[in-house]
Amino acid sequence: MKKILVVEDDDSQRLLYHDELAEAGYEVILAANGREALKKLDMAKPDLIILDIVMPVMDGMETLGRIIREHRDVPIILNTAYSSYKDDFMSWGADAYVVKSADLGELKAKVREILGEAGSQP
């Protein structure tokens, strides 16, 4: 079973992502901010990280930089409500950039694509 670390500060969105991804057959680990994500990253050894950008404690861009330096082998999807960060040079280090939507279809399709399951059903 593939393991996904979801880094999201909004409680309801974090729960939604957990439920949707678990239902799709993934083991889901949750973190509420970048600092918590870095702690869980070493213990959890995820196959993929879904990373919000605008968060308290440690934002997604700083978290992205630290992950790239220490765990470049783990693919990262930046998942944010702000399309403007796509132009930020740091965001180019991520494997994908998805703008948040009430419909998680695009995010789940990107997860399947990055994990080499592109032909799988949602």
N, C-alpha and C. Protein backbone atom coordinates (compact mmCIF):
# COMPACT_ATOMS: atom_id res chain seq x y z
N MET A 1 0.84 -1.17 0.00
CA MET A 1 0.00 0.00 0.00
C MET A 1 0.89 1.25 0.00
N LYS A 2 0.64 2.15 -0.93
CA LYS A 2 1.42 3.39 -1.03
C LYS A 2 1.03 4.33 0.11
N LYS A 3 2.05 5.06 0.59
CA LYS A 3 1.87 5.93 1.75
C LYS A 3 1.98 7.39 1.30
N ILE A 4 1.00 8.21 1.71
CA ILE A 4 0.97 9.63 1.34
C ILE A 4 0.97 10.49 2.60
N LEU A 5 1.87 11.45 2.64
CA LEU A 5 1.90 12.43 3.73
C LEU A 5 1.16 13.67 3.23
N VAL A 6 0.08 14.02 3.92
CA VAL A 6 -0.72 15.21 3.58
C VAL A 6 -0.39 16.30 4.59
N VAL A 7 0.08 17.45 4.09
CA VAL A 7 0.44 18.57 4.94
C VAL A 7 -0.55 19.69 4.64
N GLU A 8 -1.46 19.91 5.58
CA GLU A 8 -2.57 20.86 5.39
C GLU A 8 -2.95 21.43 6.75
N ASP A 9 -3.01 22.76 6.86
CA ASP A 9 -3.32 23.37 8.15
C ASP A 9 -4.82 23.43 8.46
N ASP A 10 -5.67 23.36 7.46
CA ASP A 10 -7.11 23.42 7.68
C ASP A 10 -7.63 22.04 8.11
N ASP A 11 -8.22 21.98 9.29
CA ASP A 11 -8.67 20.69 9.85
C ASP A 11 -9.65 19.97 8.94
N SER A 12 -10.64 20.69 8.40
CA SER A 12 -11.67 20.03 7.59
C SER A 12 -11.08 19.53 6.27
N GLN A 13 -10.21 20.31 5.67
CA GLN A 13 -9.58 19.84 4.43
C GLN A 13 -8.67 18.64 4.69
N ARG A 14 -7.95 18.69 5.79
CA ARG A 14 -7.06 17.57 6.15
C ARG A 14 -7.88 16.29 6.30
N LEU A 15 -9.02 16.38 6.96
CA LEU A 15 -9.90 15.22 7.15
C LEU A 15 -10.47 14.75 5.81
N LEU A 16 -10.87 15.69 4.97
CA LEU A 16 -11.40 15.34 3.65
C LEU A 16 -10.35 14.60 2.83
N TYR A 17 -9.13 15.13 2.78
CA TYR A 17 -8.06 14.47 2.02
C TYR A 17 -7.78 13.08 2.59
N HIS A 18 -7.76 12.98 3.91
CA HIS A 18 -7.53 11.68 4.53
C HIS A 18 -8.59 10.68 4.07
N ASP A 19 -9.85 11.05 4.20
CA ASP A 19 -10.93 10.13 3.86
C ASP A 19 -10.92 9.75 2.38
N GLU A 20 -10.74 10.74 1.51
CA GLU A 20 -10.76 10.47 0.06
C GLU A 20 -9.57 9.59 -0.37
N LEU A 21 -8.40 9.88 0.16
CA LEU A 21 -7.22 9.10 -0.24
C LEU A 21 -7.23 7.71 0.39
N ALA A 22 -7.70 7.60 1.63
CA ALA A 22 -7.81 6.28 2.26
C ALA A 22 -8.82 5.42 1.51
N GLU A 23 -9.91 6.03 1.09
CA GLU A 23 -10.92 5.29 0.32
C GLU A 23 -10.36 4.83 -1.02
N ALA A 24 -9.41 5.58 -1.56
CA ALA A 24 -8.78 5.21 -2.83
C ALA A 24 -7.69 4.16 -2.64
N GLY A 25 -7.44 3.76 -1.38
CA GLY A 25 -6.51 2.66 -1.13
C GLY A 25 -5.13 3.05 -0.66
N TYR A 26 -4.96 4.29 -0.22
CA TYR A 26 -3.65 4.74 0.25
C TYR A 26 -3.61 4.79 1.77
N GLU A 27 -2.42 4.59 2.32
CA GLU A 27 -2.20 4.85 3.74
C GLU A 27 -1.89 6.34 3.84
N VAL A 28 -2.60 7.05 4.70
CA VAL A 28 -2.48 8.51 4.77
C VAL A 28 -1.94 8.92 6.13
N ILE A 29 -0.88 9.73 6.11
CA ILE A 29 -0.30 10.32 7.31
C ILE A 29 -0.59 11.81 7.23
N LEU A 30 -0.99 12.41 8.34
CA LEU A 30 -1.40 13.82 8.34
C LEU A 30 -0.43 14.68 9.14
N ALA A 31 -0.23 15.92 8.66
CA ALA A 31 0.54 16.92 9.39
C ALA A 31 -0.15 18.27 9.19
N ALA A 32 -0.17 19.08 10.25
CA ALA A 32 -0.88 20.36 10.22
C ALA A 32 0.00 21.53 9.78
N ASN A 33 1.31 21.32 9.68
CA ASN A 33 2.21 22.39 9.24
C ASN A 33 3.53 21.77 8.79
N GLY A 34 4.39 22.62 8.27
CA GLY A 34 5.66 22.14 7.75
C GLY A 34 6.57 21.51 8.79
N ARG A 35 6.63 22.10 9.95
CA ARG A 35 7.51 21.56 11.00
C ARG A 35 7.06 20.15 11.38
N GLU A 36 5.76 19.96 11.55
CA GLU A 36 5.22 18.64 11.88
C GLU A 36 5.49 17.65 10.74
N ALA A 37 5.38 18.13 9.52
CA ALA A 37 5.63 17.28 8.35
C ALA A 37 7.06 16.77 8.33
N LEU A 38 8.02 17.65 8.62
CA LEU A 38 9.43 17.23 8.61
C LEU A 38 9.70 16.18 9.66
N LYS A 39 9.06 16.29 10.82
CA LYS A 39 9.22 15.28 11.86
C LYS A 39 8.63 13.94 11.41
N LYS A 40 7.46 13.98 10.79
CA LYS A 40 6.80 12.73 10.37
C LYS A 40 7.47 12.12 9.15
N LEU A 41 8.12 12.94 8.34
CA LEU A 41 8.75 12.47 7.12
C LEU A 41 9.80 11.39 7.39
N ASP A 42 10.63 11.62 8.38
CA ASP A 42 11.68 10.64 8.70
C ASP A 42 11.10 9.34 9.24
N MET A 43 10.04 9.43 10.03
CA MET A 43 9.44 8.23 10.63
C MET A 43 8.56 7.48 9.63
N ALA A 44 7.83 8.22 8.80
CA ALA A 44 6.80 7.61 7.96
C ALA A 44 7.33 7.06 6.64
N LYS A 45 8.38 7.67 6.08
CA LYS A 45 8.91 7.27 4.77
C LYS A 45 7.80 7.19 3.71
N PRO A 46 7.14 8.32 3.41
CA PRO A 46 6.03 8.30 2.44
C PRO A 46 6.51 8.11 1.01
N ASP A 47 5.59 7.66 0.16
CA ASP A 47 5.86 7.52 -1.26
C ASP A 47 5.58 8.82 -2.00
N LEU A 48 4.81 9.72 -1.35
CA LEU A 48 4.38 10.98 -1.97
C LEU A 48 3.99 11.96 -0.87
N ILE A 49 4.21 13.26 -1.12
CA ILE A 49 3.80 14.30 -0.18
C ILE A 49 2.87 15.26 -0.91
N ILE A 50 1.73 15.56 -0.29
CA ILE A 50 0.83 16.60 -0.77
C ILE A 50 1.00 17.76 0.21
N LEU A 51 1.46 18.91 -0.31
CA LEU A 51 1.92 20.00 0.54
C LEU A 51 1.16 21.30 0.25
N ASP A 52 0.47 21.81 1.27
CA ASP A 52 -0.15 23.12 1.18
C ASP A 52 0.96 24.17 1.24
N ILE A 53 0.70 25.39 0.80
CA ILE A 53 1.73 26.42 0.83
C ILE A 53 1.52 27.39 1.98
N VAL A 54 0.32 27.94 2.10
CA VAL A 54 0.06 28.95 3.12
C VAL A 54 -0.35 28.26 4.42
N MET A 55 0.59 28.21 5.37
CA MET A 55 0.37 27.54 6.66
C MET A 55 1.11 28.30 7.75
N PRO A 56 0.63 28.18 8.99
CA PRO A 56 1.37 28.77 10.11
C PRO A 56 2.57 27.89 10.49
N VAL A 57 3.38 28.37 11.39
CA VAL A 57 4.55 27.69 11.95
C VAL A 57 5.68 27.60 10.91
N MET A 58 5.47 26.85 9.83
CA MET A 58 6.44 26.78 8.74
C MET A 58 5.64 26.62 7.45
N ASP A 59 5.77 27.59 6.55
CA ASP A 59 4.96 27.54 5.33
C ASP A 59 5.46 26.46 4.36
N GLY A 60 4.68 26.26 3.33
CA GLY A 60 4.97 25.20 2.38
C GLY A 60 6.22 25.41 1.56
N MET A 61 6.56 26.67 1.25
CA MET A 61 7.74 26.92 0.44
C MET A 61 9.03 26.59 1.23
N GLU A 62 9.06 26.98 2.49
CA GLU A 62 10.22 26.63 3.31
C GLU A 62 10.29 25.11 3.50
N THR A 63 9.14 24.51 3.73
CA THR A 63 9.08 23.05 3.90
C THR A 63 9.56 22.35 2.63
N LEU A 64 9.11 22.83 1.49
CA LEU A 64 9.51 22.27 0.20
C LEU A 64 11.03 22.30 0.06
N GLY A 65 11.63 23.43 0.37
CA GLY A 65 13.09 23.55 0.28
C GLY A 65 13.80 22.55 1.15
N ARG A 66 13.33 22.39 2.37
CA ARG A 66 13.98 21.45 3.29
C ARG A 66 13.81 20.00 2.83
N ILE A 67 12.62 19.68 2.32
CA ILE A 67 12.38 18.32 1.84
C ILE A 67 13.28 18.01 0.64
N ILE A 68 13.37 18.97 -0.28
CA ILE A 68 14.20 18.76 -1.47
C ILE A 68 15.66 18.53 -1.08
N ARG A 69 16.16 19.27 -0.09
CA ARG A 69 17.55 19.11 0.34
C ARG A 69 17.80 17.75 0.99
N GLU A 70 16.83 17.25 1.74
CA GLU A 70 17.07 16.04 2.53
C GLU A 70 16.41 14.77 2.00
N HIS A 71 15.35 14.92 1.19
CA HIS A 71 14.57 13.76 0.73
C HIS A 71 14.15 13.94 -0.72
N ARG A 72 15.07 14.25 -1.59
CA ARG A 72 14.72 14.56 -2.98
C ARG A 72 14.04 13.39 -3.70
N ASP A 73 14.17 12.20 -3.18
CA ASP A 73 13.58 11.03 -3.83
C ASP A 73 12.07 10.95 -3.60
N VAL A 74 11.51 11.75 -2.70
CA VAL A 74 10.07 11.71 -2.42
C VAL A 74 9.37 12.76 -3.27
N PRO A 75 8.47 12.35 -4.17
CA PRO A 75 7.76 13.32 -5.01
C PRO A 75 6.82 14.20 -4.17
N ILE A 76 6.64 15.44 -4.63
CA ILE A 76 5.82 16.42 -3.91
C ILE A 76 4.81 17.06 -4.86
N ILE A 77 3.56 17.11 -4.41
CA ILE A 77 2.52 17.87 -5.10
C ILE A 77 2.22 19.09 -4.25
N LEU A 78 2.45 20.27 -4.80
CA LEU A 78 2.02 21.49 -4.11
C LEU A 78 0.53 21.62 -4.35
N ASN A 79 -0.23 21.79 -3.29
CA ASN A 79 -1.68 21.85 -3.37
C ASN A 79 -2.12 23.12 -2.63
N THR A 80 -2.50 24.14 -3.37
CA THR A 80 -2.77 25.44 -2.77
C THR A 80 -3.97 26.12 -3.41
N ALA A 81 -4.55 27.04 -2.69
CA ALA A 81 -5.67 27.82 -3.21
C ALA A 81 -5.17 28.97 -4.10
N TYR A 82 -3.88 29.20 -4.13
CA TYR A 82 -3.31 30.35 -4.82
C TYR A 82 -2.52 29.94 -6.05
N SER A 83 -3.00 30.30 -7.22
CA SER A 83 -2.29 29.95 -8.45
C SER A 83 -1.03 30.80 -8.62
N SER A 84 -0.94 31.93 -7.92
CA SER A 84 0.20 32.85 -8.08
C SER A 84 1.53 32.24 -7.65
N TYR A 85 1.52 31.28 -6.77
CA TYR A 85 2.78 30.66 -6.33
C TYR A 85 3.44 29.83 -7.43
N LYS A 86 2.68 29.54 -8.48
CA LYS A 86 3.23 28.76 -9.58
C LYS A 86 4.41 29.49 -10.24
N ASP A 87 4.41 30.82 -10.14
CA ASP A 87 5.49 31.62 -10.72
C ASP A 87 6.70 31.74 -9.80
N ASP A 88 6.57 31.29 -8.56
CA ASP A 88 7.67 31.35 -7.61
C ASP A 88 8.69 30.28 -7.97
N PHE A 89 9.92 30.69 -8.12
CA PHE A 89 11.00 29.77 -8.51
C PHE A 89 11.05 28.52 -7.63
N MET A 90 10.82 28.69 -6.32
CA MET A 90 10.88 27.55 -5.40
C MET A 90 9.85 26.48 -5.77
N SER A 91 8.68 26.90 -6.24
CA SER A 91 7.63 25.92 -6.56
C SER A 91 8.03 24.98 -7.69
N TRP A 92 8.99 25.40 -8.49
CA TRP A 92 9.43 24.56 -9.59
C TRP A 92 10.13 23.30 -9.11
N GLY A 93 10.51 23.26 -7.86
CA GLY A 93 11.14 22.06 -7.29
C GLY A 93 10.15 20.94 -7.02
N ALA A 94 8.87 21.28 -7.01
CA ALA A 94 7.84 20.26 -6.78
C ALA A 94 7.61 19.47 -8.06
N ASP A 95 7.05 18.28 -7.92
CA ASP A 95 6.77 17.43 -9.08
C ASP A 95 5.47 17.81 -9.77
N ALA A 96 4.58 18.49 -9.03
CA ALA A 96 3.31 18.92 -9.61
C ALA A 96 2.75 20.08 -8.78
N TYR A 97 1.85 20.82 -9.39
CA TYR A 97 1.21 21.98 -8.75
C TYR A 97 -0.27 21.88 -9.04
N VAL A 98 -1.09 21.76 -8.00
CA VAL A 98 -2.54 21.63 -8.18
C VAL A 98 -3.22 22.73 -7.38
N VAL A 99 -4.10 23.48 -8.03
CA VAL A 99 -4.88 24.51 -7.34
C VAL A 99 -6.06 23.82 -6.67
N LYS A 100 -6.26 24.12 -5.38
CA LYS A 100 -7.32 23.47 -4.61
C LYS A 100 -8.68 23.70 -5.24
N SER A 101 -9.52 22.68 -5.11
CA SER A 101 -10.88 22.72 -5.64
C SER A 101 -11.75 21.84 -4.76
N ALA A 102 -13.06 22.11 -4.76
CA ALA A 102 -13.99 21.26 -4.02
C ALA A 102 -14.02 19.86 -4.63
N ASP A 103 -13.70 19.76 -5.91
CA ASP A 103 -13.62 18.47 -6.60
C ASP A 103 -12.17 17.99 -6.52
N LEU A 104 -11.94 16.88 -5.85
CA LEU A 104 -10.58 16.37 -5.68
C LEU A 104 -10.12 15.51 -6.85
N GLY A 105 -10.88 15.49 -7.92
CA GLY A 105 -10.54 14.66 -9.08
C GLY A 105 -9.16 14.95 -9.66
N GLU A 106 -8.84 16.23 -9.82
CA GLU A 106 -7.53 16.59 -10.39
C GLU A 106 -6.40 16.17 -9.46
N LEU A 107 -6.57 16.40 -8.16
CA LEU A 107 -5.54 16.02 -7.20
C LEU A 107 -5.34 14.51 -7.19
N LYS A 108 -6.43 13.76 -7.15
CA LYS A 108 -6.31 12.29 -7.11
C LYS A 108 -5.71 11.75 -8.41
N ALA A 109 -6.04 12.38 -9.54
CA ALA A 109 -5.46 11.96 -10.82
C ALA A 109 -3.95 12.21 -10.82
N LYS A 110 -3.53 13.34 -10.26
CA LYS A 110 -2.11 13.67 -10.20
C LYS A 110 -1.38 12.69 -9.27
N VAL A 111 -2.02 12.32 -8.16
CA VAL A 111 -1.45 11.32 -7.24
C VAL A 111 -1.22 10.01 -7.98
N ARG A 112 -2.24 9.55 -8.70
CA ARG A 112 -2.12 8.29 -9.44
C ARG A 112 -1.02 8.37 -10.50
N GLU A 113 -0.95 9.50 -11.18
CA GLU A 113 0.06 9.68 -12.23
C GLU A 113 1.48 9.62 -11.63
N ILE A 114 1.71 10.35 -10.57
CA ILE A 114 3.05 10.40 -9.98
C ILE A 114 3.44 9.05 -9.38
N LEU A 115 2.46 8.33 -8.82
CA LEU A 115 2.77 7.04 -8.24
C LEU A 115 2.75 5.90 -9.27
N GLY A 116 2.62 6.26 -10.54
CA GLY A 116 2.68 5.27 -11.61
C GLY A 116 1.42 4.42 -11.71
N GLU A 117 0.30 5.01 -11.30
CA GLU A 117 -0.98 4.31 -11.35
C GLU A 117 -1.97 5.03 -12.24
N ALA A 118 -1.48 5.70 -13.28
CA ALA A 118 -2.30 6.57 -14.10
C ALA A 118 -3.51 5.87 -14.72
N GLY A 119 -3.41 4.59 -14.97
CA GLY A 119 -4.54 3.88 -15.57
C GLY A 119 -5.58 3.44 -14.57
N SER A 120 -5.33 3.63 -13.27
CA SER A 120 -6.25 3.19 -12.22
C SER A 120 -7.45 4.10 -12.14
N GLN A 121 -8.52 3.56 -11.65
CA GLN A 121 -9.75 4.33 -11.42
C GLN A 121 -9.62 5.14 -10.14
N PRO A 122 -10.33 6.29 -10.06
CA PRO A 122 -10.28 7.10 -8.82
C PRO A 122 -10.86 6.39 -7.64
